Amino acid sequence: MHNIIIENECGCVKRSDLENNLSISSKDEALTKAIEMKNKMNEEFCGKHEFEVAESSNNFIISFASAKPQSSGCCGGGHC
């Protein structure tokens, strides 16, 4: 069995219809489902977090992606 685990459930995950800790017998089907879930989370959630999928043993872990660099609003021209 291959599991799909959503780590760090934010409020958007909790309010969604996504099911956590899914078990699927086929590795290919589990990976496909994990990617579909990740894409839905990135496209439909509030945008405060970006999600990624990583494989660990028989698990596909959906977690927060590395933080996006925040813009300070400075254009880099040296006058800000």
PDB file of N, CA and C in Angstrom:
ATOM      1  N   MET A   1       0.834  -1.185   0.000  1.00  0.00           N
ATOM      2  CA  MET A   1       0.000   0.000   0.000  1.00  0.00           C
ATOM      3  C   MET A   1       0.882   1.252   0.000  1.00  0.00           C
ATOM      4  N   HIS A   2       0.391   2.259  -0.686  1.00  0.00           N
ATOM      5  CA  HIS A   2       1.065   3.554  -0.758  1.00  0.00           C
ATOM      6  C   HIS A   2       0.127   4.589  -0.158  1.00  0.00           C
ATOM      7  N   ASN A   3       0.674   5.426   0.689  1.00  0.00           N
ATOM      8  CA  ASN A   3      -0.131   6.399   1.422  1.00  0.00           C
ATOM      9  C   ASN A   3       0.115   7.808   0.908  1.00  0.00           C
ATOM     10  N   ILE A   4      -0.947   8.603   0.929  1.00  0.00           N
ATOM     11  CA  ILE A   4      -0.847  10.028   0.629  1.00  0.00           C
ATOM     12  C   ILE A   4      -1.132  10.761   1.931  1.00  0.00           C
ATOM     13  N   ILE A   5      -0.142  11.513   2.374  1.00  0.00           N
ATOM     14  CA  ILE A   5      -0.228  12.191   3.668  1.00  0.00           C
ATOM     15  C   ILE A   5      -0.073  13.689   3.456  1.00  0.00           C
ATOM     16  N   ILE A   6      -1.023  14.454   3.981  1.00  0.00           N
ATOM     17  CA  ILE A   6      -0.930  15.918   3.953  1.00  0.00           C
ATOM     18  C   ILE A   6      -0.371  16.357   5.298  1.00  0.00           C
ATOM     19  N   GLU A   7       0.843  16.909   5.282  1.00  0.00           N
ATOM     20  CA  GLU A   7       1.460  17.420   6.504  1.00  0.00           C
ATOM     21  C   GLU A   7       0.984  18.848   6.749  1.00  0.00           C
ATOM     22  N   ASN A   8       1.075  19.278   7.981  1.00  0.00           N
ATOM     23  CA  ASN A   8       0.784  20.668   8.340  1.00  0.00           C
ATOM     24  C   ASN A   8      -0.534  21.143   7.738  1.00  0.00           C
ATOM     25  N   GLU A   9      -1.622  20.531   8.141  1.00  0.00           N
ATOM     26  CA  GLU A   9      -2.932  20.903   7.602  1.00  0.00           C
ATOM     27  C   GLU A   9      -3.285  22.339   7.984  1.00  0.00           C
ATOM     28  N   CYS A  10      -3.253  23.223   6.996  1.00  0.00           N
ATOM     29  CA  CYS A  10      -3.683  24.605   7.228  1.00  0.00           C
ATOM     30  C   CYS A  10      -5.213  24.644   7.201  1.00  0.00           C
ATOM     31  N   GLY A  11      -5.774  25.802   7.471  1.00  0.00           N
ATOM     32  CA  GLY A  11      -7.223  25.949   7.499  1.00  0.00           C
ATOM     33  C   GLY A  11      -7.876  25.590   6.175  1.00  0.00           C
ATOM     34  N   CYS A  12      -7.222  25.915   5.072  1.00  0.00           N
ATOM     35  CA  CYS A  12      -7.783  25.607   3.753  1.00  0.00           C
ATOM     36  C   CYS A  12      -7.914  24.100   3.556  1.00  0.00           C
ATOM     37  N   VAL A  13      -6.929  23.357   4.031  1.00  0.00           N
ATOM     38  CA  VAL A  13      -6.985  21.895   3.925  1.00  0.00           C
ATOM     39  C   VAL A  13      -8.145  21.376   4.763  1.00  0.00           C
ATOM     40  N   LYS A  14      -8.268  21.883   5.972  1.00  0.00           N
ATOM     41  CA  LYS A  14      -9.319  21.415   6.876  1.00  0.00           C
ATOM     42  C   LYS A  14     -10.709  21.723   6.340  1.00  0.00           C
ATOM     43  N   ARG A  15     -10.857  22.850   5.631  1.00  0.00           N
ATOM     44  CA  ARG A  15     -12.169  23.224   5.089  1.00  0.00           C
ATOM     45  C   ARG A  15     -12.466  22.541   3.749  1.00  0.00           C
ATOM     46  N   SER A  16     -11.475  21.957   3.149  1.00  0.00           N
ATOM     47  CA  SER A  16     -11.659  21.351   1.824  1.00  0.00           C
ATOM     48  C   SER A  16     -12.283  19.959   1.940  1.00  0.00           C
ATOM     49  N   ASP A  17     -12.598  19.395   0.780  1.00  0.00           N
ATOM     50  CA  ASP A  17     -13.131  18.037   0.739  1.00  0.00           C
ATOM     51  C   ASP A  17     -12.026  16.998   0.543  1.00  0.00           C
ATOM     52  N   LEU A  18     -10.767  17.423   0.641  1.00  0.00           N
ATOM     53  CA  LEU A  18      -9.649  16.501   0.461  1.00  0.00           C
ATOM     54  C   LEU A  18      -9.525  15.581   1.669  1.00  0.00           C
ATOM     55  N   GLU A  19      -9.242  14.325   1.387  1.00  0.00           N
ATOM     56  CA  GLU A  19      -9.091  13.335   2.448  1.00  0.00           C
ATOM     57  C   GLU A  19      -7.606  13.126   2.725  1.00  0.00           C
ATOM     58  N   ASN A  20      -7.230  13.174   3.983  1.00  0.00           N
ATOM     59  CA  ASN A  20      -5.846  12.955   4.382  1.00  0.00           C
ATOM     60  C   ASN A  20      -5.631  11.477   4.689  1.00  0.00           C
ATOM     61  N   ASN A  21      -4.395  11.032   4.611  1.00  0.00           N
ATOM     62  CA  ASN A  21      -4.002   9.659   4.920  1.00  0.00           C
ATOM     63  C   ASN A  21      -4.710   8.633   4.040  1.00  0.00           C
ATOM     64  N   LEU A  22      -4.724   8.887   2.752  1.00  0.00           N
ATOM     65  CA  LEU A  22      -5.304   7.936   1.803  1.00  0.00           C
ATOM     66  C   LEU A  22      -4.352   6.774   1.588  1.00  0.00           C
ATOM     67  N   SER A  23      -4.874   5.579   1.413  1.00  0.00           N
ATOM     68  CA  SER A  23      -4.075   4.408   1.077  1.00  0.00           C
ATOM     69  C   SER A  23      -4.532   3.884  -0.269  1.00  0.00           C
ATOM     70  N   ILE A  24      -3.574   3.724  -1.182  1.00  0.00           N
ATOM     71  CA  ILE A  24      -3.865   3.263  -2.536  1.00  0.00           C
ATOM     72  C   ILE A  24      -2.868   2.157  -2.848  1.00  0.00           C
ATOM     73  N   SER A  25      -3.356   1.055  -3.446  1.00  0.00           N
ATOM     74  CA  SER A  25      -2.492  -0.103  -3.670  1.00  0.00           C
ATOM     75  C   SER A  25      -1.442   0.120  -4.749  1.00  0.00           C
ATOM     76  N   SER A  26      -1.762   0.855  -5.798  1.00  0.00           N
ATOM     77  CA  SER A  26      -0.841   1.074  -6.908  1.00  0.00           C
ATOM     78  C   SER A  26       0.003   2.323  -6.674  1.00  0.00           C
ATOM     79  N   LYS A  27       1.317   2.187  -6.812  1.00  0.00           N
ATOM     80  CA  LYS A  27       2.213   3.333  -6.641  1.00  0.00           C
ATOM     81  C   LYS A  27       1.914   4.414  -7.668  1.00  0.00           C
ATOM     82  N   ASP A  28       1.690   4.017  -8.930  1.00  0.00           N
ATOM     83  CA  ASP A  28       1.401   5.003  -9.976  1.00  0.00           C
ATOM     84  C   ASP A  28       0.110   5.756  -9.697  1.00  0.00           C
ATOM     85  N   GLU A  29      -0.919   5.042  -9.257  1.00  0.00           N
ATOM     86  CA  GLU A  29      -2.194   5.698  -8.941  1.00  0.00           C
ATOM     87  C   GLU A  29      -2.045   6.628  -7.742  1.00  0.00           C
ATOM     88  N   ALA A  30      -1.269   6.217  -6.752  1.00  0.00           N
ATOM     89  CA  ALA A  30      -1.059   7.054  -5.574  1.00  0.00           C
ATOM     90  C   ALA A  30      -0.314   8.337  -5.953  1.00  0.00           C
ATOM     91  N   LEU A  31       0.709   8.213  -6.793  1.00  0.00           N
ATOM     92  CA  LEU A  31       1.457   9.396  -7.226  1.00  0.00           C
ATOM     93  C   LEU A  31       0.562  10.332  -8.026  1.00  0.00           C
ATOM     94  N   THR A  32      -0.218   9.773  -8.946  1.00  0.00           N
ATOM     95  CA  THR A  32      -1.129  10.588  -9.750  1.00  0.00           C
ATOM     96  C   THR A  32      -2.121  11.329  -8.858  1.00  0.00           C
ATOM     97  N   LYS A  33      -2.694  10.637  -7.886  1.00  0.00           N
ATOM     98  CA  LYS A  33      -3.669  11.246  -6.973  1.00  0.00           C
ATOM     99  C   LYS A  33      -2.998  12.336  -6.126  1.00  0.00           C
ATOM    100  N   ALA A  34      -1.783  12.077  -5.634  1.00  0.00           N
ATOM    101  CA  ALA A  34      -1.068  13.066  -4.821  1.00  0.00           C
ATOM    102  C   ALA A  34      -0.801  14.330  -5.631  1.00  0.00           C
ATOM    103  N   ILE A  35      -0.421  14.176  -6.880  1.00  0.00           N
ATOM    104  CA  ILE A  35      -0.164  15.333  -7.742  1.00  0.00           C
ATOM    105  C   ILE A  35      -1.451  16.093  -8.013  1.00  0.00           C
ATOM    106  N   GLU A  36      -2.548  15.375  -8.252  1.00  0.00           N
ATOM    107  CA  GLU A  36      -3.851  16.029  -8.457  1.00  0.00           C
ATOM    108  C   GLU A  36      -4.241  16.840  -7.220  1.00  0.00           C
ATOM    109  N   MET A  37      -4.049  16.254  -6.044  1.00  0.00           N
ATOM    110  CA  MET A  37      -4.389  16.941  -4.801  1.00  0.00           C
ATOM    111  C   MET A  37      -3.529  18.184  -4.622  1.00  0.00           C
ATOM    112  N   LYS A  38      -2.225  18.046  -4.857  1.00  0.00           N
ATOM    113  CA  LYS A  38      -1.292  19.173  -4.729  1.00  0.00           C
ATOM    114  C   LYS A  38      -1.672  20.296  -5.684  1.00  0.00           C
ATOM    115  N   ASN A  39      -2.003  19.942  -6.916  1.00  0.00           N
ATOM    116  CA  ASN A  39      -2.394  20.956  -7.900  1.00  0.00           C
ATOM    117  C   ASN A  39      -3.667  21.674  -7.474  1.00  0.00           C
ATOM    118  N   LYS A  40      -4.643  20.927  -6.968  1.00  0.00           N
ATOM    119  CA  LYS A  40      -5.888  21.537  -6.496  1.00  0.00           C
ATOM    120  C   LYS A  40      -5.602  22.500  -5.346  1.00  0.00           C
ATOM    121  N   MET A  41      -4.739  22.080  -4.431  1.00  0.00           N
ATOM    122  CA  MET A  41      -4.400  22.921  -3.289  1.00  0.00           C
ATOM    123  C   MET A  41      -3.710  24.203  -3.746  1.00  0.00           C
ATOM    124  N   ASN A  42      -2.803  24.105  -4.706  1.00  0.00           N
ATOM    125  CA  ASN A  42      -2.083  25.290  -5.192  1.00  0.00           C
ATOM    126  C   ASN A  42      -2.972  26.209  -6.014  1.00  0.00           C
ATOM    127  N   GLU A  43      -3.955  25.652  -6.720  1.00  0.00           N
ATOM    128  CA  GLU A  43      -4.805  26.456  -7.593  1.00  0.00           C
ATOM    129  C   GLU A  43      -6.025  27.033  -6.882  1.00  0.00           C
ATOM    130  N   GLU A  44      -6.576  26.319  -5.901  1.00  0.00           N
ATOM    131  CA  GLU A  44      -7.857  26.717  -5.316  1.00  0.00           C
ATOM    132  C   GLU A  44      -7.776  27.271  -3.896  1.00  0.00           C
ATOM    133  N   PHE A  45      -6.686  27.035  -3.202  1.00  0.00           N
ATOM    134  CA  PHE A  45      -6.579  27.515  -1.832  1.00  0.00           C
ATOM    135  C   PHE A  45      -6.195  28.989  -1.818  1.00  0.00           C
ATOM    136  N   CYS A  46      -6.095  29.582  -0.638  1.00  0.00           N
ATOM    137  CA  CYS A  46      -5.939  31.029  -0.489  1.00  0.00           C
ATOM    138  C   CYS A  46      -4.635  31.596  -1.038  1.00  0.00           C
ATOM    139  N   GLY A  47      -3.635  30.789  -1.222  1.00  0.00           N
ATOM    140  CA  GLY A  47      -2.384  31.272  -1.783  1.00  0.00           C
ATOM    141  C   GLY A  47      -1.328  31.647  -0.752  1.00  0.00           C
ATOM    142  N   LYS A  48      -1.624  31.516   0.529  1.00  0.00           N
ATOM    143  CA  LYS A  48      -0.620  31.822   1.552  1.00  0.00           C
ATOM    144  C   LYS A  48       0.509  30.803   1.542  1.00  0.00           C
ATOM    145  N   HIS A  49       0.203  29.583   1.100  1.00  0.00           N
ATOM    146  CA  HIS A  49       1.189  28.516   1.061  1.00  0.00           C
ATOM    147  C   HIS A  49       1.231  27.932  -0.347  1.00  0.00           C
ATOM    148  N   GLU A  50       2.383  27.425  -0.699  1.00  0.00           N
ATOM    149  CA  GLU A  50       2.512  26.642  -1.926  1.00  0.00           C
ATOM    150  C   GLU A  50       2.851  25.226  -1.482  1.00  0.00           C
ATOM    151  N   PHE A  51       2.278  24.241  -2.151  1.00  0.00           N
ATOM    152  CA  PHE A  51       2.441  22.862  -1.744  1.00  0.00           C
ATOM    153  C   PHE A  51       3.275  22.094  -2.750  1.00  0.00           C
ATOM    154  N   GLU A  52       3.965  21.048  -2.255  1.00  0.00           N
ATOM    155  CA  GLU A  52       4.760  20.180  -3.105  1.00  0.00           C
ATOM    156  C   GLU A  52       4.565  18.736  -2.651  1.00  0.00           C
ATOM    157  N   VAL A  53       4.913  17.790  -3.535  1.00  0.00           N
ATOM    158  CA  VAL A  53       4.817  16.369  -3.230  1.00  0.00           C
ATOM    159  C   VAL A  53       6.224  15.799  -3.176  1.00  0.00           C
ATOM    160  N   ALA A  54       6.488  15.002  -2.150  1.00  0.00           N
ATOM    161  CA  ALA A  54       7.767  14.305  -2.030  1.00  0.00           C
ATOM    162  C   ALA A  54       7.486  12.842  -1.689  1.00  0.00           C
ATOM    163  N   GLU A  55       8.310  11.961  -2.213  1.00  0.00           N
ATOM    164  CA  GLU A  55       8.168  10.532  -1.941  1.00  0.00           C
ATOM    165  C   GLU A  55       9.089  10.146  -0.802  1.00  0.00           C
ATOM    166  N   SER A  56       8.568   9.366   0.137  1.00  0.00           N
ATOM    167  CA  SER A  56       9.350   8.857   1.253  1.00  0.00           C
ATOM    168  C   SER A  56       8.881   7.441   1.537  1.00  0.00           C
ATOM    169  N   SER A  57       9.706   6.467   1.172  1.00  0.00           N
ATOM    170  CA  SER A  57       9.359   5.054   1.333  1.00  0.00           C
ATOM    171  C   SER A  57       8.085   4.765   0.537  1.00  0.00           C
ATOM    172  N   ASN A  58       7.043   4.292   1.177  1.00  0.00           N
ATOM    173  CA  ASN A  58       5.769   4.012   0.500  1.00  0.00           C
ATOM    174  C   ASN A  58       4.781   5.157   0.656  1.00  0.00           C
ATOM    175  N   ASN A  59       5.277   6.329   0.990  1.00  0.00           N
ATOM    176  CA  ASN A  59       4.404   7.477   1.222  1.00  0.00           C
ATOM    177  C   ASN A  59       4.679   8.586   0.217  1.00  0.00           C
ATOM    178  N   PHE A  60       3.609   9.286  -0.150  1.00  0.00           N
ATOM    179  CA  PHE A  60       3.720  10.529  -0.904  1.00  0.00           C
ATOM    180  C   PHE A  60       3.256  11.618   0.054  1.00  0.00           C
ATOM    181  N   ILE A  61       4.180  12.506   0.397  1.00  0.00           N
ATOM    182  CA  ILE A  61       3.926  13.534   1.401  1.00  0.00           C
ATOM    183  C   ILE A  61       3.649  14.848   0.695  1.00  0.00           C
ATOM    184  N   ILE A  62       2.500  15.450   0.996  1.00  0.00           N
ATOM    185  CA  ILE A  62       2.173  16.784   0.492  1.00  0.00           C
ATOM    186  C   ILE A  62       2.454  17.753   1.633  1.00  0.00           C
ATOM    187  N   SER A  63       3.381  18.682   1.396  1.00  0.00           N
ATOM    188  CA  SER A  63       3.771  19.613   2.449  1.00  0.00           C
ATOM    189  C   SER A  63       3.965  20.998   1.867  1.00  0.00           C
ATOM    190  N   PHE A  64       4.195  21.958   2.761  1.00  0.00           N
ATOM    191  CA  PHE A  64       4.472  23.314   2.324  1.00  0.00           C
ATOM    192  C   PHE A  64       5.773  23.318   1.534  1.00  0.00           C
ATOM    193  N   ALA A  65       5.770  23.981   0.398  1.00  0.00           N
ATOM    194  CA  ALA A  65       6.983  24.138  -0.390  1.00  0.00           C
ATOM    195  C   ALA A  65       7.865  25.168   0.284  1.00  0.00           C
ATOM    196  N   SER A  66       9.095  25.252  -0.135  1.00  0.00           N
ATOM    197  CA  SER A  66       9.993  26.276   0.383  1.00  0.00           C
ATOM    198  C   SER A  66       9.333  27.638   0.206  1.00  0.00           C
ATOM    199  N   ALA A  67       9.535  28.479   1.173  1.00  0.00           N
ATOM    200  CA  ALA A  67       8.898  29.799   1.146  1.00  0.00           C
ATOM    201  C   ALA A  67       9.305  30.576  -0.089  1.00  0.00           C
ATOM    202  N   LYS A  68       8.343  31.262  -0.667  1.00  0.00           N
ATOM    203  CA  LYS A  68       8.614  32.136  -1.806  1.00  0.00           C
ATOM    204  C   LYS A  68       9.295  33.397  -1.287  1.00  0.00           C
ATOM    205  N   PRO A  69      10.284  33.908  -2.007  1.00  0.00           N
ATOM    206  CA  PRO A  69      10.899  35.164  -1.562  1.00  0.00           C
ATOM    207  C   PRO A  69       9.875  36.296  -1.590  1.00  0.00           C
ATOM    208  N   GLN A  70       9.850  37.056  -0.529  1.00  0.00           N
ATOM    209  CA  GLN A  70       8.920  38.183  -0.429  1.00  0.00           C
ATOM    210  C   GLN A  70       9.557  39.418  -1.043  1.00  0.00           C
ATOM    211  N   SER A  71       8.811  40.118  -1.837  1.00  0.00           N
ATOM    212  CA  SER A  71       9.306  41.354  -2.444  1.00  0.00           C
ATOM    213  C   SER A  71       9.141  42.497  -1.452  1.00  0.00           C
ATOM    214  N   SER A  72      10.159  43.319  -1.346  1.00  0.00           N
ATOM    215  CA  SER A  72      10.072  44.472  -0.464  1.00  0.00           C
ATOM    216  C   SER A  72       9.456  45.664  -1.164  1.00  0.00           C
ATOM    217  N   GLY A  73       9.204  45.514  -2.477  1.00  0.00           N
ATOM    218  CA  GLY A  73       8.671  46.614  -3.243  1.00  0.00           C
ATOM    219  C   GLY A  73       9.751  47.456  -3.863  1.00  0.00           C
ATOM    220  N   CYS A  74      10.989  47.176  -3.534  1.00  0.00           N
ATOM    221  CA  CYS A  74      12.110  47.935  -4.074  1.00  0.00           C
ATOM    222  C   CYS A  74      12.448  47.407  -5.457  1.00  0.00           C
ATOM    223  N   CYS A  75      12.703  48.315  -6.385  1.00  0.00           N
ATOM    224  CA  CYS A  75      13.024  47.931  -7.759  1.00  0.00           C
ATOM    225  C   CYS A  75      14.487  47.598  -7.927  1.00  0.00           C
ATOM    226  N   GLY A  76      15.302  47.857  -6.918  1.00  0.00           N
ATOM    227  CA  GLY A  76      16.729  47.584  -6.995  1.00  0.00           C
ATOM    228  C   GLY A  76      17.546  48.710  -7.593  1.00  0.00           C
ATOM    229  N   GLY A  77      16.928  49.880  -7.826  1.00  0.00           N
ATOM    230  CA  GLY A  77      17.629  50.999  -8.434  1.00  0.00           C
ATOM    231  C   GLY A  77      18.501  51.797  -7.471  1.00  0.00           C
ATOM    232  N   GLY A  78      18.480  51.440  -6.177  1.00  0.00           N
ATOM    233  CA  GLY A  78      19.339  52.109  -5.210  1.00  0.00           C
ATOM    234  C   GLY A  78      18.722  53.348  -4.590  1.00  0.00           C
ATOM    235  N   HIS A  79      17.517  53.717  -4.950  1.00  0.00           N
ATOM    236  CA  HIS A  79      16.919  54.932  -4.391  1.00  0.00           C
ATOM    237  C   HIS A  79      15.775  54.645  -3.433  1.00  0.00           C
ATOM    238  N   CYS A  80      15.511  53.414  -3.122  1.00  0.00           N
ATOM    239  CA  CYS A  80      14.417  53.065  -2.213  1.00  0.00           C
ATOM    240  C   CYS A  80      14.851  53.127  -0.769  1.00  0.00           C
TER     241      CYS A  80
END
